[in-house]
Amino acid sequence: MTKVSYGPHIFPDPPTTHIRGDKKPGAHERIRRTLEEAFGNQEGSVFSQIAGRFGFKPSEEVNLAFLNYGNTELVYLADIGGKHRCAVLINQPRTPRGTVRKEYENLRRLAEIDSRFVVNPLAYFSSGEHELYASEYIPNAICIAARGFYNPLPFYHFERFSPEMQPSVNSAMIAMLVNYYDEVRKRGVAETEISGNDFMLTQSFRRNKKETILPNIRMIAARGYVEASFKEYLDILRREFKMSIIRGDPRILSEKLKVNHRSETRMCEKEIEEGIRLGIELRTK
């Protein structure tokens, strides 16, 4: 049987600080139990689903450490026998059941379209009120946020993008949305939260080198889709990303926004058009 240990954690704050929706003492314990169950080697567990792929033995030791958090999920790092690491995203108590499975399946489809710029989902698991999925781990990933990024090295901290770099980062995020338009199913990625939840940069990114942005950006979330032709989808991007939108903004409903559900900074026309150009270029490679 696998031996599963919990902690020490990596994120500066404990997971209890970032649980959303259920502050009862048992909320954290239920999350912990689900994670430990997911990495046992019983049939249907994450461990059993990926063991053959990565050559794990039933006696491997697994360590689970709190890595980060979002509005929808808590993020953990699973270290399996010191041989393989994967990210594990488990639903916040207030997140409706099925949300995590939907995101897992959406990411799988994006990886089928183009595996270069999206985290690769590995396995899905559910038990009781919780569900989770394991995905490819990006070592010490840099989280793109509003006007800057969170870098875990040498310690977790926020840095601003320079005025010269910010437009190129904005264009790169638009390029990803364009690149992952699903031509077969005639739909584009929607319900985005690009200020903090949807994109990361690898540690190969360099703060003063624009050419390092696009090769090192990764999409890490895909909440939903909007059905539209490719031309219609591009027009949606052009219209919606000229707005600054905060989470829960009433304009999401009043203006029937499909894609931009959280951006916090406006993009200018030049940034959007450059992103569309880059995205179309990526689709041909």
Protein backbone atom coordinates (compact mmCIF):
# COMPACT_ATOMS: atom_id res chain seq x y z
CA MET A 1 0.00 0.00 0.00
CA THR A 2 1.11 3.56 -0.63
CA LYS A 3 2.07 5.65 2.39
CA VAL A 4 0.57 9.14 2.13
CA SER A 5 1.91 12.03 4.21
CA TYR A 6 0.40 15.52 4.46
CA GLY A 7 2.73 18.53 4.75
CA PRO A 8 4.91 20.35 5.45
CA HIS A 9 3.28 22.88 3.14
CA ILE A 10 4.92 25.09 0.54
CA PHE A 11 2.61 28.11 0.40
CA PRO A 12 3.40 30.74 3.10
CA ASP A 13 -0.10 30.51 4.62
CA PRO A 14 -1.76 27.28 5.84
CA PRO A 15 -4.56 25.82 3.70
CA THR A 16 -7.16 26.62 6.38
CA THR A 17 -6.60 30.33 5.68
CA HIS A 18 -7.79 29.99 2.10
CA ILE A 19 -10.78 27.66 2.39
CA ARG A 20 -13.81 29.37 0.86
CA GLY A 21 -17.42 28.72 1.81
CA ASP A 22 -17.11 26.45 4.85
CA LYS A 23 -15.19 27.67 7.89
CA LYS A 24 -16.26 24.79 10.12
CA PRO A 25 -13.36 22.91 11.79
CA GLY A 26 -14.13 19.78 9.76
CA ALA A 27 -13.81 21.46 6.34
CA HIS A 28 -10.03 21.16 6.16
CA GLU A 29 -10.09 17.61 7.50
CA ARG A 30 -12.51 16.52 4.75
CA ILE A 31 -10.23 18.05 2.12
CA ARG A 32 -7.26 16.27 3.64
CA ARG A 33 -9.05 12.90 3.73
CA THR A 34 -10.11 13.21 0.09
CA LEU A 35 -6.56 14.01 -0.99
CA GLU A 36 -5.16 11.07 0.95
CA GLU A 37 -7.82 8.76 -0.50
CA ALA A 38 -7.01 9.96 -4.02
CA PHE A 39 -3.39 8.89 -3.62
CA GLY A 40 -4.02 5.48 -2.13
CA ASN A 41 -3.57 2.64 -4.59
CA GLN A 42 -7.14 1.33 -4.54
CA GLU A 43 -8.97 1.00 -7.86
CA GLY A 44 -10.07 4.34 -9.30
CA SER A 45 -7.66 6.49 -7.30
CA VAL A 46 -5.42 9.04 -9.00
CA PHE A 47 -2.45 6.87 -8.05
CA SER A 48 -3.92 3.77 -9.71
CA GLN A 49 -4.85 5.73 -12.84
CA ILE A 50 -1.34 7.05 -13.46
CA ALA A 51 0.80 4.28 -11.90
CA GLY A 52 1.26 2.35 -15.14
CA ARG A 53 2.01 5.47 -17.13
CA PHE A 54 4.84 6.54 -14.84
CA GLY A 55 5.99 3.16 -13.55
CA PHE A 56 4.99 3.58 -9.89
CA LYS A 57 5.18 0.66 -7.48
CA PRO A 58 2.32 0.00 -5.02
CA SER A 59 4.68 0.76 -2.12
CA GLU A 60 5.58 4.30 -3.28
CA GLU A 61 5.46 7.08 -0.69
CA VAL A 62 3.37 10.12 -1.57
CA ASN A 63 3.72 13.54 0.03
CA LEU A 64 0.97 16.14 -0.33
CA ALA A 65 1.82 19.81 0.24
CA PHE A 66 -0.40 22.89 -0.05
CA LEU A 67 0.92 24.90 -3.00
CA ASN A 68 -1.55 27.69 -3.83
CA TYR A 69 -5.23 28.53 -4.01
CA GLY A 70 -7.90 30.01 -6.23
CA ASN A 71 -11.54 30.97 -6.05
CA THR A 72 -12.62 27.56 -7.38
CA GLU A 73 -9.95 25.19 -6.04
CA LEU A 74 -7.12 24.66 -3.60
CA VAL A 75 -3.87 23.57 -5.27
CA TYR A 76 -1.54 20.92 -3.84
CA LEU A 77 1.72 19.39 -4.97
CA ALA A 78 1.91 15.60 -4.94
CA ASP A 79 5.42 14.15 -4.78
CA ILE A 80 5.33 10.45 -5.62
CA GLY A 81 8.35 8.54 -4.40
CA GLY A 82 10.63 11.44 -5.26
CA LYS A 83 10.25 10.34 -8.90
CA HIS A 84 7.32 12.37 -10.15
CA ARG A 85 5.44 15.49 -9.12
CA CYS A 86 1.99 16.60 -10.21
CA ALA A 87 -0.33 19.45 -9.32
CA VAL A 88 -3.60 18.50 -7.62
CA LEU A 89 -6.63 20.80 -7.75
CA ILE A 90 -9.43 20.07 -5.28
CA ASN A 91 -12.69 22.01 -5.15
CA GLN A 92 -13.31 24.69 -2.55
CA PRO A 93 -16.24 23.68 -0.30
CA ARG A 94 -18.47 26.32 -1.93
CA THR A 95 -17.66 25.17 -5.49
CA PRO A 96 -20.61 23.21 -6.93
CA ARG A 97 -20.04 19.52 -7.66
CA GLY A 98 -19.21 18.92 -11.30
CA THR A 99 -17.27 22.15 -11.75
CA VAL A 100 -13.88 20.49 -11.34
CA ARG A 101 -14.78 17.58 -13.62
CA LYS A 102 -15.91 20.04 -16.29
CA GLU A 103 -12.62 21.92 -16.08
CA TYR A 104 -10.67 18.64 -16.24
CA GLU A 105 -12.51 17.60 -19.39
CA ASN A 106 -12.12 21.06 -20.93
CA LEU A 107 -8.37 21.00 -20.35
CA ARG A 108 -8.14 17.53 -21.86
CA ARG A 109 -9.76 18.87 -25.02
CA LEU A 110 -7.37 21.84 -25.15
CA ALA A 111 -4.41 19.46 -24.80
CA GLU A 112 -5.78 17.49 -27.77
CA ILE A 113 -5.90 20.69 -29.85
CA ASP A 114 -2.36 21.80 -28.90
CA SER A 115 -0.37 20.36 -26.01
CA ARG A 116 2.34 23.04 -26.11
CA PHE A 117 0.76 25.79 -24.03
CA VAL A 118 -1.67 24.09 -21.66
CA VAL A 119 -1.14 22.03 -18.52
CA ASN A 120 -1.70 18.37 -19.30
CA PRO A 121 -4.50 16.86 -17.13
CA LEU A 122 -3.66 13.36 -15.91
CA ALA A 123 -6.52 11.91 -13.85
CA TYR A 124 -9.84 12.78 -12.19
CA PHE A 125 -11.14 11.55 -8.81
CA SER A 126 -14.19 12.24 -6.63
CA SER A 127 -15.30 11.19 -3.16
CA GLY A 128 -18.17 12.57 -1.08
CA GLU A 129 -18.47 16.34 -1.42
CA HIS A 130 -15.06 16.76 -3.04
CA GLU A 131 -13.63 16.19 -6.51
CA LEU A 132 -10.16 16.82 -7.85
CA TYR A 133 -7.88 16.31 -10.78
CA ALA A 134 -4.15 15.84 -11.12
CA SER A 135 -2.25 17.64 -13.85
CA GLU A 136 1.22 18.28 -15.12
CA TYR A 137 3.26 20.30 -12.62
CA ILE A 138 5.08 23.41 -13.80
CA PRO A 139 8.04 23.78 -11.41
CA ASN A 140 7.93 27.06 -9.46
CA ALA A 141 5.40 28.50 -11.88
CA ILE A 142 4.92 32.26 -12.03
CA CYS A 143 1.23 33.24 -11.72
CA ILE A 144 0.15 36.08 -14.01
CA ALA A 145 -1.98 38.59 -12.09
CA ALA A 146 -3.34 42.09 -12.67
CA ARG A 147 -0.44 44.35 -13.68
CA GLY A 148 2.17 41.85 -12.54
CA PHE A 149 2.97 38.33 -11.38
CA TYR A 150 3.51 36.20 -8.28
CA ASN A 151 6.89 34.50 -8.25
CA PRO A 152 7.59 31.72 -5.69
CA LEU A 153 11.37 32.22 -5.96
CA PRO A 154 13.34 32.93 -3.88
CA PHE A 155 10.17 33.36 -1.76
CA TYR A 156 6.54 33.94 -2.72
CA HIS A 157 6.20 37.60 -3.73
CA PHE A 158 4.51 39.98 -6.17
CA GLU A 159 6.36 41.88 -8.90
CA ARG A 160 5.01 44.36 -11.45
CA PHE A 161 5.52 43.96 -15.15
CA SER A 162 7.43 46.87 -16.61
CA PRO A 163 5.45 49.28 -18.84
CA GLU A 164 7.32 47.79 -21.80
CA MET A 165 6.44 44.18 -20.91
CA GLN A 166 2.78 44.48 -19.90
CA PRO A 167 1.40 44.95 -23.46
CA SER A 168 3.28 41.88 -24.66
CA VAL A 169 1.92 39.80 -21.77
CA ASN A 170 -1.61 40.97 -22.59
CA SER A 171 -1.12 40.06 -26.25
CA ALA A 172 0.22 36.62 -25.30
CA MET A 173 -2.91 35.83 -23.27
CA ILE A 174 -5.15 36.85 -26.17
CA ALA A 175 -2.97 34.70 -28.45
CA MET A 176 -3.63 31.68 -26.23
CA LEU A 177 -7.40 32.17 -26.44
CA VAL A 178 -7.18 32.44 -30.22
CA ASN A 179 -4.88 29.42 -30.48
CA TYR A 180 -7.28 27.22 -28.51
CA TYR A 181 -10.39 28.03 -30.52
CA ASP A 182 -11.91 24.62 -31.26
CA GLU A 183 -12.49 24.53 -35.01
CA VAL A 184 -14.06 21.06 -34.86
CA ARG A 185 -16.69 21.95 -32.25
CA LYS A 186 -16.99 25.62 -33.27
CA ARG A 187 -16.39 27.09 -29.83
CA GLY A 188 -13.90 29.24 -27.96
CA VAL A 189 -12.71 29.32 -24.35
CA ALA A 190 -15.03 31.45 -22.20
CA GLU A 191 -15.55 32.60 -18.59
CA THR A 192 -11.90 33.62 -18.32
CA GLU A 193 -10.28 35.21 -15.26
CA ILE A 194 -6.99 36.35 -16.72
CA SER A 195 -6.08 38.49 -13.69
CA GLY A 196 -4.69 35.79 -11.45
CA ASN A 197 -6.30 32.44 -12.28
CA ASP A 198 -5.86 31.39 -15.91
CA PHE A 199 -2.24 31.79 -17.00
CA MET A 200 1.24 31.04 -15.72
CA LEU A 201 4.79 31.56 -16.92
CA THR A 202 7.59 29.04 -16.52
CA GLN A 203 10.82 30.00 -14.82
CA SER A 204 12.43 30.36 -18.26
CA PHE A 205 10.56 33.67 -18.60
CA ARG A 206 12.84 36.74 -18.31
CA ARG A 207 11.45 40.01 -16.97
CA ASN A 208 13.12 42.21 -19.58
CA LYS A 209 12.91 39.98 -22.65
CA LYS A 210 9.62 40.09 -24.53
CA GLU A 211 10.62 37.15 -26.71
CA THR A 212 10.52 34.85 -23.63
CA ILE A 213 6.82 35.45 -22.92
CA LEU A 214 5.05 33.45 -25.61
CA PRO A 215 7.21 30.28 -25.45
CA ASN A 216 6.80 30.14 -21.66
CA ILE A 217 3.13 31.00 -21.13
CA ARG A 218 0.75 28.21 -20.08
CA MET A 219 -3.03 28.10 -19.83
CA ILE A 220 -4.08 26.47 -16.56
CA ALA A 221 -7.87 26.91 -16.49
CA ALA A 222 -10.78 26.37 -18.87
CA ARG A 223 -14.12 26.94 -17.13
CA GLY A 224 -16.36 26.94 -20.15
CA TYR A 225 -16.92 27.63 -23.83
CA VAL A 226 -18.92 29.97 -26.02
CA GLU A 227 -20.33 28.60 -29.26
CA ALA A 228 -19.35 30.91 -32.10
CA SER A 229 -17.63 30.92 -35.46
CA PHE A 230 -13.95 31.77 -35.42
CA LYS A 231 -14.69 35.27 -36.78
CA GLU A 232 -17.42 35.79 -34.17
CA TYR A 233 -15.05 34.65 -31.41
CA LEU A 234 -12.37 37.12 -32.49
CA ASP A 235 -14.97 39.90 -32.45
CA ILE A 236 -15.95 38.90 -28.89
CA LEU A 237 -12.31 39.19 -27.81
CA ARG A 238 -12.01 42.58 -29.49
CA ARG A 239 -15.09 43.89 -27.74
CA GLU A 240 -14.80 42.39 -24.26
CA PHE A 241 -11.12 42.84 -23.49
CA LYS A 242 -11.36 46.60 -23.95
CA MET A 243 -13.19 46.50 -20.61
CA SER A 244 -11.76 46.31 -17.10
CA ILE A 245 -13.80 43.65 -15.30
CA ILE A 246 -13.61 42.61 -11.65
CA ARG A 247 -15.01 39.35 -10.26
CA GLY A 248 -18.77 39.62 -9.91
CA ASP A 249 -18.93 42.77 -12.04
CA PRO A 250 -22.64 43.50 -12.86
CA ARG A 251 -21.63 44.18 -16.47
CA ILE A 252 -20.99 40.46 -16.95
CA LEU A 253 -24.76 40.06 -16.94
CA SER A 254 -25.91 43.45 -18.15
CA GLU A 255 -23.59 43.43 -21.18
CA LYS A 256 -23.83 39.64 -21.61
CA LEU A 257 -20.08 39.11 -21.45
CA LYS A 258 -19.08 35.62 -22.57
CA VAL A 259 -15.29 35.49 -22.33
CA ASN A 260 -13.96 38.28 -20.10
CA HIS A 261 -15.17 37.58 -16.56
CA ARG A 262 -12.16 39.09 -14.79
CA SER A 263 -9.41 41.18 -16.31
CA GLU A 264 -9.07 44.23 -13.99
CA THR A 265 -7.09 46.13 -16.62
CA ARG A 266 -8.26 47.32 -20.03
CA MET A 267 -6.41 46.24 -23.14
CA CYS A 268 -5.93 48.66 -25.98
CA GLU A 269 -6.84 47.77 -29.56
CA LYS A 270 -3.18 47.34 -30.51
CA GLU A 271 -2.59 44.73 -27.79
CA ILE A 272 -5.68 42.76 -28.77
CA GLU A 273 -4.91 42.83 -32.48
CA GLU A 274 -1.32 41.75 -31.86
CA GLY A 275 -2.62 38.87 -29.74
CA ILE A 276 -5.00 37.83 -32.51
CA ARG A 277 -2.17 37.94 -35.03
CA LEU A 278 0.08 35.82 -32.80
CA GLY A 279 -2.70 33.34 -32.08
CA ILE A 280 -3.49 32.85 -35.75
CA GLU A 281 0.20 32.36 -36.42
CA LEU A 282 0.41 29.70 -33.70
CA ARG A 283 -2.55 27.85 -35.21
CA THR A 284 -0.65 27.38 -38.47
CA LYS A 285 2.45 25.87 -36.84
